[in-house]
Amino acid sequence: MAKKSGKTITVEQIGSPIRRPGDQRATLIGLGLNKMHKKRTLEDTPAVRGMITKVQHLVRVVEEN
């Protein structure tokens, strides 16, 4: 099991998943985002970074700690 780094990243949904491919919708749900302007603080891991990159046109990184 990976040890926790303590670093976090906060993302906000700024785009609608309407008329987007299903995998992009699923990625938003995986990030815990399902409504416009909803913010989530997540652990900063390569997997989370990859998900953010995949839907970078739909989310905004608010803050990195």
PDB file of N, CA and C in Angstrom:
ATOM      1  N   MET A   1       0.840  -1.178   0.000  1.00  0.00           N
ATOM      2  CA  MET A   1       0.000   0.000   0.000  1.00  0.00           C
ATOM      3  C   MET A   1       0.889   1.246   0.000  1.00  0.00           C
ATOM      4  N   ALA A   2       0.513   2.232  -0.791  1.00  0.00           N
ATOM      5  CA  ALA A   2       1.300   3.459  -0.881  1.00  0.00           C
ATOM      6  C   ALA A   2       1.143   4.283   0.392  1.00  0.00           C
ATOM      7  N   LYS A   3       2.243   4.887   0.819  1.00  0.00           N
ATOM      8  CA  LYS A   3       2.134   5.722   2.018  1.00  0.00           C
ATOM      9  C   LYS A   3       1.652   7.116   1.628  1.00  0.00           C
ATOM     10  N   LYS A   4       0.954   7.756   2.533  1.00  0.00           N
ATOM     11  CA  LYS A   4       0.373   9.067   2.255  1.00  0.00           C
ATOM     12  C   LYS A   4       1.447  10.135   2.256  1.00  0.00           C
ATOM     13  N   SER A   5       1.420  10.981   1.227  1.00  0.00           N
ATOM     14  CA  SER A   5       2.422  12.032   1.118  1.00  0.00           C
ATOM     15  C   SER A   5       2.012  13.275   1.907  1.00  0.00           C
ATOM     16  N   GLY A   6       0.717  13.423   2.201  1.00  0.00           N
ATOM     17  CA  GLY A   6       0.254  14.599   2.919  1.00  0.00           C
ATOM     18  C   GLY A   6      -0.068  15.760   1.995  1.00  0.00           C
ATOM     19  N   LYS A   7       0.295  15.637   0.714  1.00  0.00           N
ATOM     20  CA  LYS A   7       0.008  16.713  -0.228  1.00  0.00           C
ATOM     21  C   LYS A   7      -1.414  16.568  -0.747  1.00  0.00           C
ATOM     22  N   THR A   8      -2.062  17.717  -0.960  1.00  0.00           N
ATOM     23  CA  THR A   8      -3.425  17.707  -1.471  1.00  0.00           C
ATOM     24  C   THR A   8      -3.541  18.679  -2.641  1.00  0.00           C
ATOM     25  N   ILE A   9      -4.581  18.492  -3.408  1.00  0.00           N
ATOM     26  CA  ILE A   9      -4.879  19.373  -4.531  1.00  0.00           C
ATOM     27  C   ILE A   9      -6.386  19.617  -4.534  1.00  0.00           C
ATOM     28  N   THR A  10      -6.784  20.858  -4.711  1.00  0.00           N
ATOM     29  CA  THR A  10      -8.202  21.212  -4.734  1.00  0.00           C
ATOM     30  C   THR A  10      -8.587  21.560  -6.169  1.00  0.00           C
ATOM     31  N   VAL A  11      -9.628  20.899  -6.666  1.00  0.00           N
ATOM     32  CA  VAL A  11     -10.093  21.142  -8.028  1.00  0.00           C
ATOM     33  C   VAL A  11     -11.552  21.579  -8.000  1.00  0.00           C
ATOM     34  N   GLU A  12     -11.929  22.372  -8.983  1.00  0.00           N
ATOM     35  CA  GLU A  12     -13.299  22.865  -9.112  1.00  0.00           C
ATOM     36  C   GLU A  12     -13.797  22.547 -10.511  1.00  0.00           C
ATOM     37  N   GLN A  13     -15.021  22.074 -10.607  1.00  0.00           N
ATOM     38  CA  GLN A  13     -15.609  21.795 -11.916  1.00  0.00           C
ATOM     39  C   GLN A  13     -16.089  23.107 -12.530  1.00  0.00           C
ATOM     40  N   ILE A  14     -15.602  23.401 -13.733  1.00  0.00           N
ATOM     41  CA  ILE A  14     -15.992  24.642 -14.409  1.00  0.00           C
ATOM     42  C   ILE A  14     -16.680  24.386 -15.744  1.00  0.00           C
ATOM     43  N   GLY A  15     -16.761  23.122 -16.164  1.00  0.00           N
ATOM     44  CA  GLY A  15     -17.398  22.795 -17.426  1.00  0.00           C
ATOM     45  C   GLY A  15     -18.440  21.716 -17.239  1.00  0.00           C
ATOM     46  N   SER A  16     -19.434  21.718 -18.118  1.00  0.00           N
ATOM     47  CA  SER A  16     -20.520  20.752 -18.032  1.00  0.00           C
ATOM     48  C   SER A  16     -20.154  19.464 -18.772  1.00  0.00           C
ATOM     49  N   PRO A  17     -20.529  18.299 -18.216  1.00  0.00           N
ATOM     50  CA  PRO A  17     -20.276  17.039 -18.914  1.00  0.00           C
ATOM     51  C   PRO A  17     -21.310  16.730 -19.997  1.00  0.00           C
ATOM     52  N   ILE A  18     -22.266  17.622 -20.185  1.00  0.00           N
ATOM     53  CA  ILE A  18     -23.270  17.403 -21.217  1.00  0.00           C
ATOM     54  C   ILE A  18     -22.584  17.416 -22.586  1.00  0.00           C
ATOM     55  N   ARG A  19     -22.928  16.450 -23.429  1.00  0.00           N
ATOM     56  CA  ARG A  19     -22.373  16.285 -24.777  1.00  0.00           C
ATOM     57  C   ARG A  19     -20.871  15.989 -24.756  1.00  0.00           C
ATOM     58  N   ARG A  20     -20.419  15.330 -23.705  1.00  0.00           N
ATOM     59  CA  ARG A  20     -19.035  14.876 -23.599  1.00  0.00           C
ATOM     60  C   ARG A  20     -19.025  13.348 -23.641  1.00  0.00           C
ATOM     61  N   PRO A  21     -17.893  12.768 -24.058  1.00  0.00           N
ATOM     62  CA  PRO A  21     -17.803  11.302 -24.072  1.00  0.00           C
ATOM     63  C   PRO A  21     -18.005  10.710 -22.678  1.00  0.00           C
ATOM     64  N   GLY A  22     -18.492   9.483 -22.641  1.00  0.00           N
ATOM     65  CA  GLY A  22     -18.784   8.814 -21.383  1.00  0.00           C
ATOM     66  C   GLY A  22     -17.580   8.672 -20.476  1.00  0.00           C
ATOM     67  N   ASP A  23     -16.388   8.485 -21.064  1.00  0.00           N
ATOM     68  CA  ASP A  23     -15.208   8.326 -20.211  1.00  0.00           C
ATOM     69  C   ASP A  23     -14.866   9.620 -19.479  1.00  0.00           C
ATOM     70  N   GLN A  24     -15.164  10.772 -20.096  1.00  0.00           N
ATOM     71  CA  GLN A  24     -14.915  12.046 -19.419  1.00  0.00           C
ATOM     72  C   GLN A  24     -15.916  12.250 -18.283  1.00  0.00           C
ATOM     73  N   ARG A  25     -17.156  11.855 -18.500  1.00  0.00           N
ATOM     74  CA  ARG A  25     -18.165  11.923 -17.432  1.00  0.00           C
ATOM     75  C   ARG A  25     -17.744  11.048 -16.266  1.00  0.00           C
ATOM     76  N   ALA A  26     -17.283   9.828 -16.589  1.00  0.00           N
ATOM     77  CA  ALA A  26     -16.864   8.885 -15.546  1.00  0.00           C
ATOM     78  C   ALA A  26     -15.652   9.413 -14.784  1.00  0.00           C
ATOM     79  N   THR A  27     -14.756  10.102 -15.468  1.00  0.00           N
ATOM     80  CA  THR A  27     -13.583  10.670 -14.810  1.00  0.00           C
ATOM     81  C   THR A  27     -13.992  11.757 -13.824  1.00  0.00           C
ATOM     82  N   LEU A  28     -14.943  12.610 -14.218  1.00  0.00           N
ATOM     83  CA  LEU A  28     -15.439  13.637 -13.294  1.00  0.00           C
ATOM     84  C   LEU A  28     -16.048  12.996 -12.049  1.00  0.00           C
ATOM     85  N   ILE A  29     -16.830  11.956 -12.238  1.00  0.00           N
ATOM     86  CA  ILE A  29     -17.445  11.263 -11.108  1.00  0.00           C
ATOM     87  C   ILE A  29     -16.368  10.637 -10.236  1.00  0.00           C
ATOM     88  N   GLY A  30     -15.325  10.089 -10.870  1.00  0.00           N
ATOM     89  CA  GLY A  30     -14.211   9.510 -10.127  1.00  0.00           C
ATOM     90  C   GLY A  30     -13.486  10.541  -9.280  1.00  0.00           C
ATOM     91  N   LEU A  31     -13.460  11.777  -9.752  1.00  0.00           N
ATOM     92  CA  LEU A  31     -12.855  12.862  -8.996  1.00  0.00           C
ATOM     93  C   LEU A  31     -13.798  13.403  -7.916  1.00  0.00           C
ATOM     94  N   GLY A  32     -15.045  12.933  -7.936  1.00  0.00           N
ATOM     95  CA  GLY A  32     -16.018  13.393  -6.944  1.00  0.00           C
ATOM     96  C   GLY A  32     -16.736  14.658  -7.363  1.00  0.00           C
ATOM     97  N   LEU A  33     -16.688  14.972  -8.654  1.00  0.00           N
ATOM     98  CA  LEU A  33     -17.338  16.184  -9.163  1.00  0.00           C
ATOM     99  C   LEU A  33     -18.560  15.787  -9.978  1.00  0.00           C
ATOM    100  N   ASN A  34     -19.694  16.409  -9.696  1.00  0.00           N
ATOM    101  CA  ASN A  34     -20.900  16.093 -10.451  1.00  0.00           C
ATOM    102  C   ASN A  34     -21.793  17.305 -10.668  1.00  0.00           C
ATOM    103  N   LYS A  35     -21.391  18.448 -10.129  1.00  0.00           N
ATOM    104  CA  LYS A  35     -22.173  19.675 -10.322  1.00  0.00           C
ATOM    105  C   LYS A  35     -21.220  20.809 -10.616  1.00  0.00           C
ATOM    106  N   MET A  36     -21.703  21.784 -11.361  1.00  0.00           N
ATOM    107  CA  MET A  36     -20.894  22.944 -11.701  1.00  0.00           C
ATOM    108  C   MET A  36     -20.448  23.672 -10.430  1.00  0.00           C
ATOM    109  N   HIS A  37     -19.215  24.129 -10.432  1.00  0.00           N
ATOM    110  CA  HIS A  37     -18.603  24.928  -9.364  1.00  0.00           C
ATOM    111  C   HIS A  37     -18.438  24.162  -8.048  1.00  0.00           C
ATOM    112  N   LYS A  38     -18.564  22.843  -8.102  1.00  0.00           N
ATOM    113  CA  LYS A  38     -18.306  22.032  -6.914  1.00  0.00           C
ATOM    114  C   LYS A  38     -16.791  21.865  -6.766  1.00  0.00           C
ATOM    115  N   LYS A  39     -16.313  21.952  -5.533  1.00  0.00           N
ATOM    116  CA  LYS A  39     -14.883  21.828  -5.249  1.00  0.00           C
ATOM    117  C   LYS A  39     -14.632  20.561  -4.456  1.00  0.00           C
ATOM    118  N   ARG A  40     -13.501  19.922  -4.738  1.00  0.00           N
ATOM    119  CA  ARG A  40     -13.086  18.742  -3.999  1.00  0.00           C
ATOM    120  C   ARG A  40     -11.609  18.854  -3.684  1.00  0.00           C
ATOM    121  N   THR A  41     -11.229  18.465  -2.494  1.00  0.00           N
ATOM    122  CA  THR A  41      -9.825  18.390  -2.105  1.00  0.00           C
ATOM    123  C   THR A  41      -9.431  16.923  -2.130  1.00  0.00           C
ATOM    124  N   LEU A  42      -8.434  16.610  -2.946  1.00  0.00           N
ATOM    125  CA  LEU A  42      -8.021  15.226  -3.168  1.00  0.00           C
ATOM    126  C   LEU A  42      -6.555  15.057  -2.835  1.00  0.00           C
ATOM    127  N   GLU A  43      -6.149  13.809  -2.575  1.00  0.00           N
ATOM    128  CA  GLU A  43      -4.743  13.502  -2.346  1.00  0.00           C
ATOM    129  C   GLU A  43      -3.993  13.674  -3.667  1.00  0.00           C
ATOM    130  N   ASP A  44      -2.836  14.297  -3.622  1.00  0.00           N
ATOM    131  CA  ASP A  44      -2.057  14.585  -4.824  1.00  0.00           C
ATOM    132  C   ASP A  44      -1.223  13.361  -5.193  1.00  0.00           C
ATOM    133  N   THR A  45      -1.800  12.502  -6.056  1.00  0.00           N
ATOM    134  CA  THR A  45      -1.118  11.292  -6.515  1.00  0.00           C
ATOM    135  C   THR A  45      -1.026  11.332  -8.043  1.00  0.00           C
ATOM    136  N   PRO A  46      -0.153  10.518  -8.622  1.00  0.00           N
ATOM    137  CA  PRO A  46      -0.078  10.466 -10.091  1.00  0.00           C
ATOM    138  C   PRO A  46      -1.408  10.071 -10.740  1.00  0.00           C
ATOM    139  N   ALA A  47      -2.167   9.199 -10.085  1.00  0.00           N
ATOM    140  CA  ALA A  47      -3.463   8.784 -10.641  1.00  0.00           C
ATOM    141  C   ALA A  47      -4.435   9.959 -10.707  1.00  0.00           C
ATOM    142  N   VAL A  48      -4.493  10.731  -9.628  1.00  0.00           N
ATOM    143  CA  VAL A  48      -5.386  11.899  -9.593  1.00  0.00           C
ATOM    144  C   VAL A  48      -4.917  12.934 -10.609  1.00  0.00           C
ATOM    145  N   ARG A  49      -3.612  13.150 -10.705  1.00  0.00           N
ATOM    146  CA  ARG A  49      -3.078  14.098 -11.690  1.00  0.00           C
ATOM    147  C   ARG A  49      -3.456  13.677 -13.107  1.00  0.00           C
ATOM    148  N   GLY A  50      -3.400  12.382 -13.378  1.00  0.00           N
ATOM    149  CA  GLY A  50      -3.782  11.881 -14.701  1.00  0.00           C
ATOM    150  C   GLY A  50      -5.246  12.112 -14.998  1.00  0.00           C
ATOM    151  N   MET A  51      -6.097  11.939 -13.992  1.00  0.00           N
ATOM    152  CA  MET A  51      -7.532  12.176 -14.174  1.00  0.00           C
ATOM    153  C   MET A  51      -7.799  13.656 -14.443  1.00  0.00           C
ATOM    154  N   ILE A  52      -7.085  14.521 -13.723  1.00  0.00           N
ATOM    155  CA  ILE A  52      -7.256  15.960 -13.933  1.00  0.00           C
ATOM    156  C   ILE A  52      -6.810  16.343 -15.341  1.00  0.00           C
ATOM    157  N   THR A  53      -5.709  15.761 -15.800  1.00  0.00           N
ATOM    158  CA  THR A  53      -5.220  16.046 -17.153  1.00  0.00           C
ATOM    159  C   THR A  53      -6.235  15.612 -18.205  1.00  0.00           C
ATOM    160  N   LYS A  54      -6.888  14.495 -17.979  1.00  0.00           N
ATOM    161  CA  LYS A  54      -7.862  13.968 -18.937  1.00  0.00           C
ATOM    162  C   LYS A  54      -9.059  14.897 -19.122  1.00  0.00           C
ATOM    163  N   VAL A  55      -9.455  15.574 -18.050  1.00  0.00           N
ATOM    164  CA  VAL A  55     -10.620  16.473 -18.120  1.00  0.00           C
ATOM    165  C   VAL A  55     -10.202  17.914 -17.811  1.00  0.00           C
ATOM    166  N   GLN A  56      -9.001  18.290 -18.232  1.00  0.00           N
ATOM    167  CA  GLN A  56      -8.473  19.618 -17.891  1.00  0.00           C
ATOM    168  C   GLN A  56      -9.312  20.754 -18.452  1.00  0.00           C
ATOM    169  N   HIS A  57     -10.097  20.489 -19.494  1.00  0.00           N
ATOM    170  CA  HIS A  57     -10.966  21.516 -20.065  1.00  0.00           C
ATOM    171  C   HIS A  57     -12.264  21.673 -19.265  1.00  0.00           C
ATOM    172  N   LEU A  58     -12.507  20.779 -18.308  1.00  0.00           N
ATOM    173  CA  LEU A  58     -13.731  20.822 -17.502  1.00  0.00           C
ATOM    174  C   LEU A  58     -13.475  21.181 -16.039  1.00  0.00           C
ATOM    175  N   VAL A  59     -12.200  21.192 -15.631  1.00  0.00           N
ATOM    176  CA  VAL A  59     -11.874  21.472 -14.232  1.00  0.00           C
ATOM    177  C   VAL A  59     -10.804  22.557 -14.138  1.00  0.00           C
ATOM    178  N   ARG A  60     -10.699  23.121 -12.940  1.00  0.00           N
ATOM    179  CA  ARG A  60      -9.699  24.150 -12.656  1.00  0.00           C
ATOM    180  C   ARG A  60      -9.040  23.797 -11.331  1.00  0.00           C
ATOM    181  N   VAL A  61      -7.706  23.838 -11.319  1.00  0.00           N
ATOM    182  CA  VAL A  61      -6.975  23.585 -10.077  1.00  0.00           C
ATOM    183  C   VAL A  61      -7.026  24.872  -9.259  1.00  0.00           C
ATOM    184  N   VAL A  62      -7.650  24.803  -8.089  1.00  0.00           N
ATOM    185  CA  VAL A  62      -7.829  25.976  -7.238  1.00  0.00           C
ATOM    186  C   VAL A  62      -6.587  26.192  -6.384  1.00  0.00           C
ATOM    187  N   GLU A  63      -6.079  25.099  -5.795  1.00  0.00           N
ATOM    188  CA  GLU A  63      -4.955  25.260  -4.879  1.00  0.00           C
ATOM    189  C   GLU A  63      -4.224  23.930  -4.735  1.00  0.00           C
ATOM    190  N   GLU A  64      -2.907  24.029  -4.545  1.00  0.00           N
ATOM    191  CA  GLU A  64      -2.071  22.852  -4.308  1.00  0.00           C
ATOM    192  C   GLU A  64      -1.346  23.056  -2.984  1.00  0.00           C
ATOM    193  N   ASN A  65      -1.402  22.048  -2.121  1.00  0.00           N
ATOM    194  CA  ASN A  65      -0.709  22.098  -0.825  1.00  0.00           C
ATOM    195  C   ASN A  65       0.262  20.956  -0.734  1.00  0.00           C
TER     196      ASN A  65
END
